[in-house]
N, C-alpha and C. Protein backbone atom coordinates (compact mmCIF):
# COMPACT_ATOMS: atom_id res chain seq x y z
N UNK A 1 144.22 69.75 17.88
CA UNK A 1 144.24 69.35 19.09
C UNK A 1 143.03 68.16 19.38
N UNK A 2 143.47 67.37 20.42
CA UNK A 2 142.71 66.35 20.85
C UNK A 2 141.80 67.01 21.83
N UNK A 3 140.64 66.02 22.07
CA UNK A 3 139.59 66.69 23.02
C UNK A 3 140.15 66.78 24.53
N UNK A 4 140.99 65.80 24.85
CA UNK A 4 141.68 65.70 26.24
C UNK A 4 142.56 66.77 26.14
N UNK A 5 143.43 67.30 25.20
CA UNK A 5 144.22 68.30 25.49
C UNK A 5 143.59 69.88 25.52
N UNK A 6 142.58 69.72 24.76
CA UNK A 6 141.69 70.78 25.06
C UNK A 6 140.92 71.21 26.20
N UNK A 7 140.58 70.03 26.86
CA UNK A 7 139.92 70.22 28.04
C UNK A 7 140.84 70.52 29.12
N UNK A 8 142.02 69.95 29.28
CA UNK A 8 143.16 70.33 29.90
C UNK A 8 143.45 71.94 29.97
N UNK A 9 143.37 72.42 28.43
CA UNK A 9 143.92 74.01 28.33
C UNK A 9 142.75 74.81 28.94
N UNK A 10 141.32 74.20 28.63
CA UNK A 10 140.55 75.21 29.08
C UNK A 10 140.32 75.30 30.49
N UNK A 11 140.80 73.88 31.25
CA UNK A 11 140.75 73.84 32.82
C UNK A 11 141.64 74.84 33.40
N UNK A 12 142.93 74.67 32.73
CA UNK A 12 143.89 75.66 33.30
C UNK A 12 143.51 77.14 33.01
N UNK A 13 143.11 77.34 32.08
CA UNK A 13 142.80 78.80 31.84
C UNK A 13 141.59 79.27 32.53
N UNK A 14 140.59 78.28 32.66
CA UNK A 14 139.36 78.98 33.75
C UNK A 14 140.04 79.13 35.08
N UNK A 15 140.64 78.34 35.60
CA UNK A 15 141.66 78.55 36.90
C UNK A 15 142.39 79.68 37.03
N UNK A 16 143.14 79.94 36.08
CA UNK A 16 144.03 81.06 36.03
C UNK A 16 142.85 82.44 36.01
N UNK A 17 141.86 82.47 35.31
CA UNK A 17 140.91 83.49 35.36
C UNK A 17 140.39 83.80 36.93
N UNK A 18 140.16 82.62 37.38
CA UNK A 18 139.46 82.67 38.72
C UNK A 18 140.57 83.38 39.70
N UNK A 19 141.90 82.87 39.44
CA UNK A 19 142.78 83.49 40.60
C UNK A 19 142.85 85.11 40.20
N UNK A 20 142.86 85.49 38.79
CA UNK A 20 143.00 86.84 38.67
C UNK A 20 141.69 87.61 39.09
N UNK A 21 140.87 87.14 38.89
CA UNK A 21 139.30 87.76 39.47
C UNK A 21 139.34 87.92 41.09
N UNK A 22 140.05 86.84 41.72
CA UNK A 22 140.21 86.79 43.11
C UNK A 22 141.21 88.11 43.40
N UNK A 23 142.31 88.17 42.86
CA UNK A 23 143.32 89.14 43.20
C UNK A 23 142.61 90.63 42.91
N UNK A 24 141.85 90.69 42.00
CA UNK A 24 141.34 91.99 41.66
C UNK A 24 139.93 92.40 42.56
N UNK A 25 139.67 91.77 43.29
CA UNK A 25 138.37 91.84 44.44
C UNK A 25 138.74 92.94 45.40
N UNK A 26 137.67 93.32 46.05
CA UNK A 26 137.89 94.46 46.96
C UNK A 26 139.08 94.21 47.94
N UNK A 27 139.43 93.27 48.46
CA UNK A 27 140.62 93.07 49.22
C UNK A 27 141.67 92.19 48.63
N UNK A 28 141.86 92.25 47.29
CA UNK A 28 142.63 91.33 46.27
C UNK A 28 143.90 90.66 47.06
N UNK A 29 144.84 91.43 47.66
CA UNK A 29 145.95 90.75 48.36
C UNK A 29 145.62 90.16 49.43
N UNK A 30 144.91 90.57 50.17
CA UNK A 30 144.35 89.80 51.65
C UNK A 30 143.74 88.50 51.11
N UNK A 31 142.77 88.61 50.31
CA UNK A 31 142.02 87.34 49.98
C UNK A 31 142.89 86.24 49.29
N UNK A 32 143.92 86.84 48.63
CA UNK A 32 144.61 85.78 47.66
C UNK A 32 145.53 85.05 48.75
N UNK A 33 146.10 85.89 49.74
CA UNK A 33 146.66 85.38 50.77
C UNK A 33 146.24 84.33 51.63
N UNK A 34 144.83 84.68 51.96
CA UNK A 34 144.13 83.73 52.76
C UNK A 34 143.73 82.50 51.90
N UNK A 35 143.52 82.45 50.53
CA UNK A 35 143.10 81.45 49.86
C UNK A 35 144.45 80.49 49.79
N UNK A 36 145.56 81.19 49.42
CA UNK A 36 146.88 80.31 49.43
C UNK A 36 147.09 79.71 50.81
N UNK A 37 146.93 80.28 51.86
CA UNK A 37 147.23 79.62 53.13
C UNK A 37 146.18 78.42 53.59
N UNK A 38 144.81 78.76 52.95
CA UNK A 38 143.72 77.52 53.09
C UNK A 38 144.02 76.33 52.23
N UNK A 39 144.68 76.79 50.88
CA UNK A 39 144.95 75.64 50.16
C UNK A 39 146.08 74.83 50.52
N UNK A 40 147.24 75.53 51.12
CA UNK A 40 148.18 75.05 51.78
C UNK A 40 147.86 74.04 52.79
N UNK A 41 146.98 74.50 53.53
CA UNK A 41 146.49 73.76 54.84
C UNK A 41 145.81 72.41 54.28
N UNK A 42 145.03 72.68 53.24
CA UNK A 42 144.12 71.35 52.82
C UNK A 42 145.13 70.45 52.22
N UNK A 43 145.97 71.06 51.52
CA UNK A 43 147.23 70.09 50.87
C UNK A 43 147.86 69.35 51.87
N UNK A 44 148.28 70.04 52.72
CA UNK A 44 149.10 69.45 53.93
C UNK A 44 148.18 68.04 54.46
N UNK A 45 146.88 68.49 54.65
CA UNK A 45 146.13 67.32 55.18
C UNK A 45 145.93 66.40 54.33
N UNK A 46 145.92 66.40 53.06
CA UNK A 46 145.80 65.58 51.90
C UNK A 46 147.09 64.83 51.80
N UNK A 47 148.30 65.34 51.95
CA UNK A 47 149.40 64.63 52.07
C UNK A 47 149.38 63.56 53.09
N UNK A 48 148.90 64.11 54.57
CA UNK A 48 149.00 63.26 55.67
C UNK A 48 148.18 62.35 55.55
N UNK A 49 147.00 62.35 54.92
CA UNK A 49 146.13 61.43 54.92
C UNK A 49 146.16 60.38 53.63
N UNK A 50 147.21 60.74 52.93
CA UNK A 50 147.36 59.92 51.79
C UNK A 50 147.55 58.45 51.77
N UNK A 51 147.90 57.88 52.71
CA UNK A 51 147.64 56.49 53.17
C UNK A 51 146.40 55.78 53.15
N UNK A 52 145.44 56.79 53.35
CA UNK A 52 144.03 56.07 53.32
C UNK A 52 143.24 56.66 52.03
N UNK A 53 143.15 55.73 50.97
CA UNK A 53 142.79 56.04 49.55
C UNK A 53 141.32 56.96 49.71
N UNK A 54 141.21 57.98 48.85
CA UNK A 54 140.15 58.76 48.65
C UNK A 54 139.77 59.70 49.88
N UNK A 55 140.41 59.53 51.11
CA UNK A 55 140.22 60.27 52.36
C UNK A 55 141.15 61.42 52.22
N UNK A 56 140.38 62.39 52.43
CA UNK A 56 141.35 63.82 52.40
C UNK A 56 140.41 65.09 52.91
N UNK A 57 141.07 66.25 53.47
CA UNK A 57 140.13 67.54 53.88
C UNK A 57 139.95 68.31 52.91
N UNK A 58 140.22 68.24 51.56
CA UNK A 58 140.04 69.01 50.63
C UNK A 58 138.79 69.70 50.35
N UNK A 59 138.15 68.66 50.15
CA UNK A 59 136.50 68.90 49.74
C UNK A 59 135.79 69.80 50.81
N UNK A 60 135.89 69.26 51.89
CA UNK A 60 135.45 70.06 53.02
C UNK A 60 135.68 71.54 53.11
N UNK A 61 137.05 71.70 53.08
CA UNK A 61 137.62 73.07 52.94
C UNK A 61 137.17 73.86 51.74
N UNK A 62 137.08 73.52 50.81
CA UNK A 62 136.49 74.19 49.40
C UNK A 62 135.07 74.48 49.83
N UNK A 63 134.21 73.73 50.26
CA UNK A 63 132.71 74.00 50.42
C UNK A 63 132.66 74.95 51.43
N UNK A 64 133.60 74.91 52.69
CA UNK A 64 133.33 75.99 53.77
C UNK A 64 134.12 77.30 53.37
N UNK A 65 135.13 77.25 52.35
CA UNK A 65 135.68 78.45 51.70
C UNK A 65 134.50 79.20 50.84
N UNK A 66 133.71 78.46 49.94
CA UNK A 66 133.02 78.86 49.25
C UNK A 66 131.68 79.64 50.03
N UNK A 67 131.26 78.85 51.03
CA UNK A 67 130.10 79.18 51.71
C UNK A 67 130.34 80.68 52.42
N UNK A 68 131.65 80.63 53.21
CA UNK A 68 132.06 81.88 53.92
C UNK A 68 132.51 82.97 53.17
N UNK A 69 133.31 82.68 52.04
CA UNK A 69 134.01 83.87 51.46
C UNK A 69 133.67 83.97 50.03
N UNK A 70 132.70 83.38 49.43
CA UNK A 70 132.01 83.57 48.47
C UNK A 70 132.62 82.81 46.86
N UNK A 71 132.01 83.19 45.80
CA UNK A 71 132.50 82.41 44.77
C UNK A 71 133.97 82.49 44.23
N UNK A 72 134.66 83.42 44.32
CA UNK A 72 135.78 83.60 43.91
C UNK A 72 136.93 82.81 44.63
N UNK A 73 136.49 83.09 46.17
CA UNK A 73 137.57 82.20 47.06
C UNK A 73 137.27 80.71 46.71
N UNK A 74 136.02 80.33 46.93
CA UNK A 74 135.58 79.02 46.58
C UNK A 74 136.07 78.33 45.23
N UNK A 75 136.15 78.99 44.33
CA UNK A 75 136.74 78.44 43.15
C UNK A 75 138.34 78.30 43.18
N UNK A 76 138.97 79.01 43.82
CA UNK A 76 140.58 79.13 44.17
C UNK A 76 141.26 78.38 44.86
N UNK A 77 140.40 78.02 46.18
CA UNK A 77 141.34 77.03 47.23
C UNK A 77 141.35 75.85 46.49
N UNK A 78 140.32 75.19 45.92
CA UNK A 78 140.69 73.64 45.53
C UNK A 78 141.71 73.64 44.59
N UNK A 79 142.09 74.31 43.44
CA UNK A 79 142.99 74.23 42.43
C UNK A 79 144.33 74.78 43.34
N UNK A 80 144.47 75.48 44.09
CA UNK A 80 145.61 75.82 44.84
C UNK A 80 146.16 74.24 45.80
N UNK A 81 145.17 73.86 46.40
CA UNK A 81 145.37 72.67 47.26
C UNK A 81 145.83 71.38 46.40
N UNK A 82 145.20 71.33 45.25
CA UNK A 82 145.45 70.07 44.22
C UNK A 82 146.92 70.47 43.67
N UNK A 83 147.32 71.55 43.45
CA UNK A 83 148.44 71.88 42.74
C UNK A 83 149.80 71.61 43.69
N UNK A 84 149.45 72.19 44.83
CA UNK A 84 150.51 71.97 45.97
C UNK A 84 150.58 70.51 46.31
N UNK A 85 149.58 70.02 46.87
CA UNK A 85 149.46 68.42 47.19
C UNK A 85 150.25 67.50 46.21
N UNK A 86 149.87 67.61 44.91
CA UNK A 86 150.58 66.76 44.05
C UNK A 86 151.81 66.95 43.77
N UNK A 87 152.33 68.14 44.37
CA UNK A 87 154.06 68.40 43.91
C UNK A 87 154.74 67.30 44.83
N UNK A 88 153.88 66.65 46.12
CA UNK A 88 154.55 65.84 46.70
C UNK A 88 153.92 64.57 46.56
N UNK A 89 152.88 64.44 46.18
CA UNK A 89 152.13 62.94 45.68
C UNK A 89 152.31 62.54 44.13
N UNK A 90 152.56 63.56 43.36
CA UNK A 90 152.97 63.00 42.14
C UNK A 90 151.94 64.00 41.13
N UNK A 91 152.35 64.65 40.28
CA UNK A 91 151.71 65.30 39.13
C UNK A 91 151.55 64.57 38.02
N UNK A 92 150.62 64.59 37.10
CA UNK A 92 150.20 63.93 35.83
C UNK A 92 148.85 64.39 35.35
N UNK A 93 148.36 63.77 34.38
CA UNK A 93 147.11 64.30 33.75
C UNK A 93 145.78 64.29 34.69
N UNK A 94 146.04 63.89 35.70
CA UNK A 94 144.84 63.89 36.66
C UNK A 94 144.79 65.19 37.32
N UNK A 95 145.94 66.12 37.38
CA UNK A 95 145.95 67.01 38.34
C UNK A 95 144.83 68.23 37.66
N UNK A 96 144.93 68.55 36.50
CA UNK A 96 144.22 69.67 35.93
C UNK A 96 142.55 69.03 36.33
N UNK A 97 142.19 67.72 36.32
CA UNK A 97 140.77 67.23 36.51
C UNK A 97 140.51 67.44 38.03
N UNK A 98 141.49 67.10 38.85
CA UNK A 98 141.38 67.31 40.17
C UNK A 98 141.00 68.85 40.57
N UNK A 99 141.92 69.65 39.96
CA UNK A 99 141.63 71.09 40.28
C UNK A 99 140.29 71.74 39.83
N UNK A 100 139.81 71.25 38.73
CA UNK A 100 138.62 71.55 38.13
C UNK A 100 137.29 71.08 39.05
N UNK A 101 137.46 69.89 39.45
CA UNK A 101 136.61 69.41 40.32
C UNK A 101 136.16 69.89 41.70
N UNK A 102 137.36 70.22 42.33
CA UNK A 102 137.71 70.86 43.38
C UNK A 102 136.95 72.36 43.41
N UNK A 103 137.36 73.16 42.24
CA UNK A 103 137.01 74.34 42.07
C UNK A 103 135.27 74.17 41.86
N UNK A 104 134.75 73.11 41.52
CA UNK A 104 133.31 73.03 41.27
C UNK A 104 132.80 72.66 42.72
N UNK A 105 133.45 72.09 43.61
CA UNK A 105 133.14 71.96 44.90
C UNK A 105 133.21 73.33 45.53
N UNK A 106 133.98 74.17 45.16
CA UNK A 106 133.92 75.58 46.05
C UNK A 106 132.71 76.22 45.61
N UNK A 107 132.38 76.30 44.06
CA UNK A 107 131.40 76.84 43.61
C UNK A 107 130.05 76.63 44.15
N UNK A 108 129.82 75.11 44.24
CA UNK A 108 128.82 74.64 45.05
C UNK A 108 128.50 75.15 46.34
N UNK A 109 129.55 75.31 47.07
CA UNK A 109 129.55 75.93 48.61
C UNK A 109 129.04 77.26 48.68
N UNK A 110 129.50 78.08 47.64
CA UNK A 110 129.26 79.63 47.50
C UNK A 110 127.51 79.50 47.11
N UNK A 111 127.24 78.88 46.25
CA UNK A 111 125.75 78.68 45.75
C UNK A 111 124.94 78.37 46.91
N UNK A 112 125.52 77.33 47.73
CA UNK A 112 124.47 76.85 48.85
C UNK A 112 124.47 78.13 50.21
N UNK A 113 125.73 78.66 50.26
CA UNK A 113 125.91 79.87 51.17
C UNK A 113 125.46 79.21 52.51
N UNK A 114 124.44 80.14 53.21
CA UNK A 114 124.07 80.03 54.43
C UNK A 114 123.50 78.55 54.91
N UNK A 115 123.04 77.90 53.87
CA UNK A 115 122.58 76.68 54.20
C UNK A 115 123.40 75.81 54.79
N UNK A 116 124.59 75.96 54.18
CA UNK A 116 125.75 74.70 54.72
C UNK A 116 126.04 75.24 56.44
N UNK A 117 125.49 76.12 56.88
CA UNK A 117 125.69 76.24 58.40
C UNK A 117 124.98 75.65 59.26
N UNK A 118 124.02 74.66 58.63
CA UNK A 118 123.56 73.77 59.33
C UNK A 118 124.60 72.34 59.22
N UNK A 119 125.21 71.88 60.12
CA UNK A 119 125.99 70.78 60.32
C UNK A 119 125.75 69.63 59.61
N UNK A 120 124.44 69.47 59.84
CA UNK A 120 123.99 68.00 59.14
C UNK A 120 123.94 68.27 57.53
N UNK A 121 123.74 69.36 56.98
CA UNK A 121 123.44 69.58 55.73
C UNK A 121 125.11 69.58 55.10
N UNK A 122 125.93 70.33 55.69
CA UNK A 122 127.32 70.33 55.37
C UNK A 122 127.58 69.08 55.22
N UNK A 123 127.57 68.34 56.41
CA UNK A 123 127.89 66.79 55.96
C UNK A 123 127.31 65.86 55.08
N UNK A 124 126.15 66.17 54.77
CA UNK A 124 125.44 65.53 53.76
C UNK A 124 125.97 66.18 52.15
N UNK A 125 126.07 67.41 52.15
CA UNK A 125 126.64 67.75 50.90
C UNK A 125 128.14 67.12 50.54
N UNK A 126 129.12 67.34 51.77
CA UNK A 126 130.24 66.79 51.39
C UNK A 126 130.36 65.44 51.48
N UNK A 127 129.37 64.50 51.87
CA UNK A 127 129.24 63.14 51.46
C UNK A 127 128.89 63.02 50.15
N UNK A 128 127.91 63.80 49.78
CA UNK A 128 127.58 63.47 48.35
C UNK A 128 128.60 63.99 47.29
N UNK A 129 129.56 64.72 47.66
CA UNK A 129 130.96 65.05 46.84
C UNK A 129 131.70 64.07 46.95
N UNK A 130 131.79 63.35 47.70
CA UNK A 130 132.81 62.12 47.94
C UNK A 130 132.57 61.21 46.74
N UNK A 131 131.30 61.00 46.42
CA UNK A 131 130.97 59.98 45.38
C UNK A 131 130.66 61.01 44.05
N UNK A 132 130.54 61.97 44.09
CA UNK A 132 130.73 62.77 42.87
C UNK A 132 132.01 63.24 42.27
N UNK A 133 132.76 63.28 43.19
CA UNK A 133 134.24 63.50 42.75
C UNK A 133 135.06 62.55 42.08
N UNK A 134 134.56 61.19 42.64
CA UNK A 134 134.95 60.01 42.27
C UNK A 134 134.43 59.68 40.62
N UNK A 135 133.06 60.21 40.41
CA UNK A 135 132.63 59.63 39.23
C UNK A 135 133.16 60.82 38.18
N UNK A 136 133.56 62.15 38.58
CA UNK A 136 134.04 63.13 37.79
C UNK A 136 135.33 62.75 37.33
N UNK A 137 136.24 62.36 38.15
CA UNK A 137 137.40 61.42 38.06
C UNK A 137 137.63 60.61 37.04
N UNK A 138 136.54 59.84 37.09
CA UNK A 138 136.57 58.44 35.99
C UNK A 138 136.23 59.15 34.69
N UNK A 139 135.54 60.08 34.81
CA UNK A 139 135.21 60.78 33.40
C UNK A 139 136.45 61.25 32.71
N UNK A 140 137.13 62.20 33.66
CA UNK A 140 138.34 62.49 33.15
C UNK A 140 139.39 61.80 32.89
N UNK A 141 139.46 60.43 33.64
CA UNK A 141 140.37 59.42 33.20
C UNK A 141 139.89 58.71 31.70
N UNK A 142 138.74 58.56 31.70
CA UNK A 142 138.31 58.08 30.26
C UNK A 142 138.60 59.28 29.09
N UNK A 143 138.77 60.46 29.40
CA UNK A 143 138.56 61.31 28.49
C UNK A 143 140.41 61.53 28.15
N UNK A 144 141.06 61.43 29.06
CA UNK A 144 142.70 61.38 29.05
C UNK A 144 143.33 60.22 28.47
N UNK A 145 142.96 58.98 29.23
CA UNK A 145 143.57 57.64 28.93
C UNK A 145 142.72 56.71 27.85
N UNK A 146 141.56 57.21 27.94
CA UNK A 146 140.57 56.19 27.01
C UNK A 146 139.97 54.92 27.87
N UNK A 147 139.53 54.10 27.08
CA UNK A 147 139.69 53.94 25.73
C UNK A 147 138.70 54.85 24.75
N UNK A 148 137.45 55.41 25.61
CA UNK A 148 136.39 56.22 25.05
C UNK A 148 135.58 56.91 26.23
N UNK A 149 134.93 57.81 25.96
CA UNK A 149 134.16 58.42 26.74
C UNK A 149 132.70 58.10 26.28
N UNK A 150 132.20 57.06 27.08
CA UNK A 150 130.79 56.41 26.66
C UNK A 150 130.24 55.92 28.06
N UNK A 151 128.78 55.79 28.15
CA UNK A 151 128.00 55.33 29.27
C UNK A 151 128.44 54.00 29.49
N UNK A 152 128.72 53.16 28.51
CA UNK A 152 129.28 51.53 29.11
C UNK A 152 130.60 51.66 29.84
N UNK A 153 131.61 52.43 29.19
CA UNK A 153 133.05 52.70 29.78
C UNK A 153 132.70 53.27 31.24
N UNK A 154 131.67 54.27 31.50
CA UNK A 154 131.93 55.02 32.50
C UNK A 154 131.07 54.03 33.56
N UNK A 155 130.20 53.23 33.27
CA UNK A 155 129.44 52.25 34.30
C UNK A 155 130.73 51.31 34.66
N UNK A 156 131.40 50.88 33.68
CA UNK A 156 132.55 49.89 34.16
C UNK A 156 133.50 50.41 34.93
N UNK A 157 133.79 51.67 34.58
CA UNK A 157 134.90 52.43 35.59
C UNK A 157 134.29 52.52 36.87
N UNK A 158 133.17 53.02 37.05
CA UNK A 158 132.55 53.31 38.20
C UNK A 158 132.33 52.41 39.29
N UNK A 159 132.13 50.91 38.47
CA UNK A 159 131.98 49.93 39.12
C UNK A 159 133.08 49.21 40.01
N UNK A 160 134.23 49.71 39.21
CA UNK A 160 135.65 49.31 39.99
C UNK A 160 135.95 50.08 41.14
N UNK A 161 135.33 51.46 40.81
CA UNK A 161 135.90 52.37 41.85
C UNK A 161 134.93 52.61 43.03
N UNK A 162 133.85 51.82 43.25
CA UNK A 162 132.72 51.86 44.43
C UNK A 162 133.52 52.08 45.73
N UNK A 163 134.27 51.16 45.82
CA UNK A 163 135.13 51.26 47.27
C UNK A 163 135.73 52.39 47.53
N UNK A 164 136.41 53.14 46.60
CA UNK A 164 136.98 54.56 46.90
C UNK A 164 135.81 55.62 46.84
N UNK A 165 134.78 55.56 46.13
CA UNK A 165 133.70 56.55 46.44
C UNK A 165 133.22 56.46 47.86
N UNK A 166 132.85 55.28 48.20
CA UNK A 166 132.32 54.99 49.84
C UNK A 166 133.32 55.74 50.73
N UNK A 167 134.80 55.11 50.59
CA UNK A 167 135.57 55.93 51.55
C UNK A 167 135.73 57.49 51.47
N UNK A 168 135.63 57.90 50.23
CA UNK A 168 135.64 59.43 49.99
C UNK A 168 134.49 59.89 50.61
N UNK A 169 133.23 59.36 50.71
CA UNK A 169 131.97 60.08 51.37
C UNK A 169 132.18 59.73 52.74
N UNK A 170 132.64 58.86 53.32
CA UNK A 170 132.70 58.65 54.56
C UNK A 170 133.63 59.47 55.36
N UNK A 171 135.17 59.76 54.69
CA UNK A 171 135.87 60.59 54.95
C UNK A 171 135.40 62.01 55.05
N UNK A 172 134.64 62.34 53.96
CA UNK A 172 134.30 63.74 53.83
C UNK A 172 133.22 64.09 55.15
N UNK A 173 132.46 63.12 55.36
CA UNK A 173 131.41 63.46 56.36
C UNK A 173 132.06 63.61 57.75
N UNK A 174 133.14 62.64 57.87
CA UNK A 174 134.10 62.93 59.29
C UNK A 174 134.56 64.21 59.22
N UNK A 175 135.21 64.89 58.30
CA UNK A 175 135.81 65.91 58.16
C UNK A 175 134.78 67.11 58.52
N UNK A 176 133.87 66.94 57.86
CA UNK A 176 132.53 67.99 58.01
C UNK A 176 132.26 68.14 59.23
N UNK A 177 131.99 66.95 60.00
CA UNK A 177 131.40 66.88 61.43
C UNK A 177 132.41 67.47 62.32
N UNK A 178 133.80 66.75 62.07
CA UNK A 178 135.01 67.17 63.15
C UNK A 178 135.27 68.89 62.99
N UNK A 179 135.61 69.14 61.83
CA UNK A 179 136.21 70.58 61.63
C UNK A 179 135.23 71.53 60.87
N UNK A 180 134.46 71.20 59.94
CA UNK A 180 133.57 72.04 59.30
C UNK A 180 133.12 73.21 59.86
N UNK A 181 132.09 72.82 61.02
CA UNK A 181 131.30 74.22 61.63
C UNK A 181 132.45 75.27 62.20
N UNK A 182 133.56 74.85 62.72
CA UNK A 182 134.60 75.75 63.49
C UNK A 182 135.23 76.41 62.29
N UNK A 183 135.52 75.67 61.22
CA UNK A 183 136.15 76.56 60.09
C UNK A 183 135.37 77.46 59.41
N UNK A 184 134.07 77.07 59.47
CA UNK A 184 133.14 78.11 58.72
C UNK A 184 132.93 79.23 59.75
N UNK A 185 132.84 79.06 60.99
CA UNK A 185 132.80 80.44 61.87
C UNK A 185 134.13 81.21 61.65
N UNK A 186 135.06 80.59 61.63
CA UNK A 186 136.43 81.34 61.61
C UNK A 186 136.34 82.18 60.42
N UNK A 187 136.15 81.66 59.18
CA UNK A 187 136.25 82.30 57.94
C UNK A 187 135.03 83.20 57.72
N UNK A 188 133.77 83.08 58.37
CA UNK A 188 132.81 84.10 58.22
C UNK A 188 133.07 85.24 59.26
N UNK A 189 133.88 85.06 60.32
CA UNK A 189 134.16 86.19 61.22
C UNK A 189 135.29 87.25 60.37
N UNK A 190 136.05 86.42 59.51
CA UNK A 190 137.07 87.24 58.69
C UNK A 190 136.18 87.95 57.44
N UNK A 191 135.28 87.45 56.93
CA UNK A 191 134.50 88.07 55.93
C UNK A 191 133.65 89.19 56.41
N UNK A 192 133.07 89.04 57.56
CA UNK A 192 132.44 90.14 58.16
C UNK A 192 133.28 91.23 58.60
N UNK A 193 134.65 91.00 59.04
CA UNK A 193 135.36 91.89 59.51
C UNK A 193 136.23 92.60 58.22
N UNK A 194 136.28 91.98 57.02
CA UNK A 194 136.64 92.57 55.86
C UNK A 194 135.69 93.52 55.47
N UNK A 195 134.40 93.14 55.46
CA UNK A 195 133.38 94.12 54.90
C UNK A 195 133.10 95.30 55.88
N UNK A 196 133.26 95.12 57.12
CA UNK A 196 133.37 96.31 57.99
C UNK A 196 134.29 97.41 57.61
N UNK A 197 135.79 96.67 57.65
CA UNK A 197 136.99 97.53 57.15
C UNK A 197 136.58 98.25 55.97
N UNK A 198 135.97 97.45 54.93
CA UNK A 198 135.90 98.27 53.66
C UNK A 198 134.68 99.37 53.72
N UNK A 199 133.98 99.09 54.46
CA UNK A 199 132.85 100.24 54.81
C UNK A 199 133.51 101.43 55.46
N UNK A 200 134.26 101.19 56.40
CA UNK A 200 134.91 102.29 57.10
C UNK A 200 135.92 103.02 56.25
N UNK A 201 136.35 102.18 55.29
CA UNK A 201 137.35 102.81 54.58
C UNK A 201 136.81 103.40 53.29
N UNK A 202 135.71 103.37 53.21
CA UNK A 202 134.92 104.14 51.91
C UNK A 202 135.12 105.62 51.51
N UNK A 203 135.40 106.28 52.73
CA UNK A 203 135.55 107.73 52.40
C UNK A 203 136.86 108.21 52.12
N UNK A 204 137.76 107.37 51.93
CA UNK A 204 139.28 107.42 51.17
C UNK A 204 138.97 107.97 49.89
N UNK A 205 139.73 109.19 49.63
CA UNK A 205 139.66 109.71 48.34
C UNK A 205 139.88 109.03 47.26
N UNK A 206 139.39 108.80 45.95
CA UNK A 206 139.64 107.82 45.20
C UNK A 206 140.01 108.41 43.87
N UNK A 207 139.69 109.69 43.53
CA UNK A 207 139.94 110.35 42.31
C UNK A 207 141.44 111.21 42.37
N UNK A 208 141.98 111.41 41.36
CA UNK A 208 143.12 112.35 41.36
C UNK A 208 142.93 113.78 41.72
N UNK A 209 141.85 114.27 41.54
CA UNK A 209 141.41 115.52 42.15
C UNK A 209 141.08 115.63 43.51
N UNK A 210 140.43 114.56 44.13
CA UNK A 210 140.38 114.45 45.52
C UNK A 210 141.81 114.10 46.50
N UNK A 211 142.54 113.31 45.70
CA UNK A 211 143.83 113.17 46.34
C UNK A 211 144.71 114.64 46.28
N UNK A 212 144.74 115.45 45.33
CA UNK A 212 145.59 116.74 45.27
C UNK A 212 144.75 117.48 46.30
N UNK A 213 143.35 117.78 46.18
CA UNK A 213 142.88 118.55 47.10
C UNK A 213 143.32 118.29 48.53
N UNK A 214 143.27 116.85 49.08
CA UNK A 214 143.67 116.38 50.32
C UNK A 214 145.06 116.85 50.59
N UNK A 215 146.13 116.65 49.71
CA UNK A 215 147.64 117.13 49.89
C UNK A 215 147.65 118.63 50.34
N UNK A 216 146.86 119.27 49.27
CA UNK A 216 146.86 121.08 49.54
C UNK A 216 146.19 121.46 50.85
N UNK A 217 145.18 120.82 51.23
CA UNK A 217 144.96 121.03 52.69
C UNK A 217 145.73 120.88 53.54
N UNK A 218 146.35 119.54 53.67
CA UNK A 218 147.43 119.13 54.46
C UNK A 218 148.32 120.17 54.59
N UNK A 219 148.85 120.49 53.38
CA UNK A 219 149.95 121.52 53.45
C UNK A 219 149.71 122.85 54.02
N UNK A 220 148.37 123.47 53.68
CA UNK A 220 147.74 124.53 54.36
C UNK A 220 147.86 124.51 55.78
N UNK A 221 147.27 123.52 56.27
CA UNK A 221 147.28 123.25 57.88
C UNK A 221 148.82 123.29 58.36
N UNK A 222 149.64 122.58 57.70
CA UNK A 222 151.16 122.55 58.15
C UNK A 222 151.61 123.90 58.19
N UNK A 223 151.43 124.62 56.98
CA UNK A 223 151.92 126.03 57.07
C UNK A 223 151.35 126.91 58.22
N UNK A 224 150.01 126.75 58.56
CA UNK A 224 149.51 127.57 59.59
C UNK A 224 150.27 127.19 60.96
N UNK A 225 150.41 125.77 60.97
CA UNK A 225 150.76 125.46 62.44
C UNK A 225 152.43 125.79 62.45
N UNK A 226 153.29 125.92 61.59
CA UNK A 226 154.42 126.44 61.47
C UNK A 226 154.51 128.26 61.91
N UNK A 227 153.48 128.79 61.08
CA UNK A 227 153.62 130.03 61.36
C UNK A 227 153.10 130.32 62.82
N UNK A 228 152.34 129.68 63.51
CA UNK A 228 152.13 130.00 65.01
C UNK A 228 153.42 129.53 65.81
N UNK A 229 153.98 128.53 65.54
CA UNK A 229 155.14 127.90 66.07
C UNK A 229 156.23 128.88 66.08
N UNK A 230 156.47 129.43 65.00
CA UNK A 230 157.55 130.62 64.97
C UNK A 230 157.25 131.89 65.91
N UNK A 231 156.00 132.05 65.68
CA UNK A 231 155.68 133.56 66.58
C UNK A 231 155.52 133.23 67.86
């Protein structure tokens, strides 16, 4: 197996494991639905801005999702957005690379956490990822299309793509300033509410014995109520 094929396989496997981990979380189904919705919204924004090279809202969405919802959600939003949007823009060997890099963007958002609640820092990190995303995709292109993965090849490829990295950085900063803080507050409220609901529901019986005892108790109360009703 070639290095490029192995890289693609490992990337897809890692993304699948992240989605499984998300589904098995405390709010599995609900969190998975939220991630799918965020990914779809980001994908729609990417399709709508496709006429402006390198300008898209996916990076900011991944950062905010990671900061507000944690590592698992941060890792999952970007791959969903890339997979859905490329269904309209065109799939190819670049799709796994985009999925992997946006997953790393979400991971960085989760690692930075509350620091991204400062709007200027969110904008700065988003702008930096505009450049890093382009560099990472240059490496992916060299790994999949050649001619080779080397420092001279990377420098030459990055030199040709400088205008796209600049456009991506400016676009990310614009999206971060315009929508980042509001989206972060919205997702944070969801996360807090989910934690509260989980805490309130922690007294629900979890073992088979507890469930059986609860059923027996309910039946006993019902029997006493029926006797009183008949009398």
